[in-house]
Structures are given as structure tokens and as C-alpha cells.
């Protein structure tokens, strides 16, 4: 249905030409919050699970320790002061993390 969009068409052509196929399925539960200032979006991703694509539940592993979650804060311009202060008070450390990369690491075990 969306295959008529140029970007999707180009992607599908590249997949066929380069014989690309999905390797992993990353699944997670997301809780999202929006704040209008700075177009701020805060998400909590938990129960991050990796499965090898096409194998259903034959191979399925949790990527995070029980009780852990990924807090993601995205914003445009300036982060609202209230949110910046809250993050600083709770001593959250900024870092880059990829759920796909974490899933790939766990799929290699």
C-alpha cells in the first residue's frame, strides 16, 4: 500500500539488488509522554526482547536486566528547564544506545 512512495520503492529495490533481508526482530513496550515546549518527547522502553527474524519464539532473549528500562528524551531547540532539572537531580547519565545493537549483541550469545 505504501510501495508507491519513492523512498519505500528505493528501499525495496536495494533490498532485492543487495539481497538484504531482516535478521532480528526487536520488540519492546513503550510508554511515551509529550511536552509542548521544545517539542519534547520522553519515552520509557521496557521488556526489550530480541528474536531471530522468522523463527518466532525459538530464539527469544531479554536484552535488559529485570527492572531496567531505556529512558529517551528527544527535543527540538531547548530542553525545558523542569525536565533538565529532573534528569540532573536523578543523576541520569546521557549515553547513546541502540536497541537493535543490544539485540544483536544478545543474539550472538
Protein backbone atom coordinates (compact mmCIF):
# COMPACT_ATOMS: atom_id res chain seq x y z
CA UNK A 1 0.00 0.00 0.00
CA UNK A 2 2.89 2.43 0.69
CA UNK A 3 5.10 0.92 -2.02
CA UNK A 4 4.32 3.83 -4.33
CA UNK A 5 6.27 6.25 -2.13
CA UNK A 6 9.70 6.88 -3.71
CA UNK A 7 11.70 6.18 -0.54
CA UNK A 8 9.95 2.84 0.01
CA UNK A 9 10.40 1.92 -3.65
CA UNK A 10 14.13 2.70 -3.48
CA UNK A 11 14.46 0.70 -0.26
CA UNK A 12 12.72 -2.35 -1.73
CA UNK A 13 14.88 -2.18 -4.88
CA UNK A 14 18.07 -2.00 -2.77
CA UNK A 15 16.88 -4.96 -0.69
CA UNK A 16 16.41 -7.05 -3.83
CA UNK A 17 19.62 -5.94 -5.56
CA UNK A 18 21.80 -6.40 -2.48
CA UNK A 19 19.90 -9.49 -1.29
CA UNK A 20 19.19 -7.84 2.05
CA UNK A 21 16.82 -9.46 4.48
CA UNK A 22 15.82 -8.82 8.09
CA UNK A 23 17.95 -10.60 10.67
CA UNK A 24 16.43 -9.66 14.02
CA UNK A 25 13.11 -8.62 15.44
CA UNK A 26 13.34 -6.17 18.34
CA UNK A 27 10.20 -5.91 20.44
CA UNK A 28 9.56 -3.64 23.42
CA UNK A 29 6.87 -1.94 25.45
CA UNK A 30 6.90 1.86 25.17
CA UNK A 31 5.35 4.48 27.40
CA UNK A 32 5.51 7.94 25.81
CA UNK A 33 4.93 11.46 27.10
CA UNK A 34 4.82 14.73 25.18
CA UNK A 35 5.62 18.25 26.37
CA UNK A 36 4.81 21.13 24.01
CA UNK A 37 7.82 23.26 24.98
CA UNK A 38 10.76 22.42 22.75
CA UNK A 39 8.66 19.73 21.06
CA UNK A 40 9.85 17.40 23.82
CA UNK A 41 9.14 13.66 23.76
CA UNK A 42 10.05 11.37 26.65
CA UNK A 43 9.79 7.62 26.25
CA UNK A 44 10.41 4.66 28.54
CA UNK A 45 11.19 1.42 26.70
CA UNK A 46 11.00 -1.77 28.75
CA UNK A 47 10.79 -5.51 28.19
CA UNK A 48 13.18 -5.19 25.25
CA UNK A 49 13.33 -8.60 23.57
CA UNK A 50 15.28 -9.86 20.57
CA UNK A 51 14.24 -12.72 18.28
CA UNK A 52 15.87 -14.00 15.15
CA UNK A 53 13.65 -12.94 12.27
CA UNK A 54 11.35 -15.69 11.00
CA UNK A 55 11.97 -18.04 13.93
CA UNK A 56 9.09 -16.85 16.12
CA UNK A 57 9.88 -17.74 19.73
CA UNK A 58 12.51 -20.42 19.00
CA UNK A 59 15.16 -17.86 19.93
CA UNK A 60 13.96 -15.09 22.23
CA UNK A 61 16.05 -13.20 24.78
CA UNK A 62 15.50 -10.24 27.06
CA UNK A 63 18.05 -7.50 26.34
CA UNK A 64 17.78 -5.61 29.65
CA UNK A 65 18.08 -6.80 33.23
CA UNK A 66 14.76 -7.13 35.12
CA UNK A 67 13.58 -3.68 36.21
CA UNK A 68 15.84 -1.85 33.74
CA UNK A 69 14.43 0.40 31.05
CA UNK A 70 15.66 2.85 28.46
CA UNK A 71 14.70 6.47 29.05
CA UNK A 72 14.85 8.51 25.86
CA UNK A 73 14.46 12.28 25.73
CA UNK A 74 14.14 13.98 22.35
CA UNK A 75 13.61 17.67 21.88
CA UNK A 76 13.99 20.48 19.39
CA UNK A 77 15.72 23.66 20.45
CA UNK A 78 15.95 23.93 24.23
CA UNK A 79 15.11 21.21 26.73
CA UNK A 80 12.50 22.55 29.18
CA UNK A 81 14.12 23.53 32.50
CA UNK A 82 11.82 21.33 34.59
CA UNK A 83 12.79 18.22 32.61
CA UNK A 84 16.51 19.10 32.54
CA UNK A 85 16.48 19.66 36.32
CA UNK A 86 14.64 16.38 36.95
CA UNK A 87 17.17 14.44 34.87
CA UNK A 88 20.07 16.11 36.66
CA UNK A 89 18.61 15.56 40.17
CA UNK A 90 18.16 11.85 39.48
CA UNK A 91 21.71 11.67 38.14
CA UNK A 92 20.75 10.09 34.83
CA UNK A 93 23.84 9.76 32.67
CA UNK A 94 23.44 10.60 29.00
CA UNK A 95 24.61 7.93 26.60
CA UNK A 96 23.83 6.67 23.16
CA UNK A 97 22.16 3.30 23.00
CA UNK A 98 20.65 1.30 20.18
CA UNK A 99 18.01 -1.32 20.93
CA UNK A 100 18.95 -3.05 17.69
CA UNK A 101 22.64 -3.19 18.62
CA UNK A 102 21.82 -4.51 22.10
CA UNK A 103 19.61 -7.13 20.47
CA UNK A 104 22.38 -8.06 18.05
CA UNK A 105 24.83 -8.48 20.96
CA UNK A 106 22.43 -10.76 22.81
CA UNK A 107 21.67 -12.77 19.68
CA UNK A 108 25.37 -13.64 19.37
CA UNK A 109 25.49 -15.41 22.76
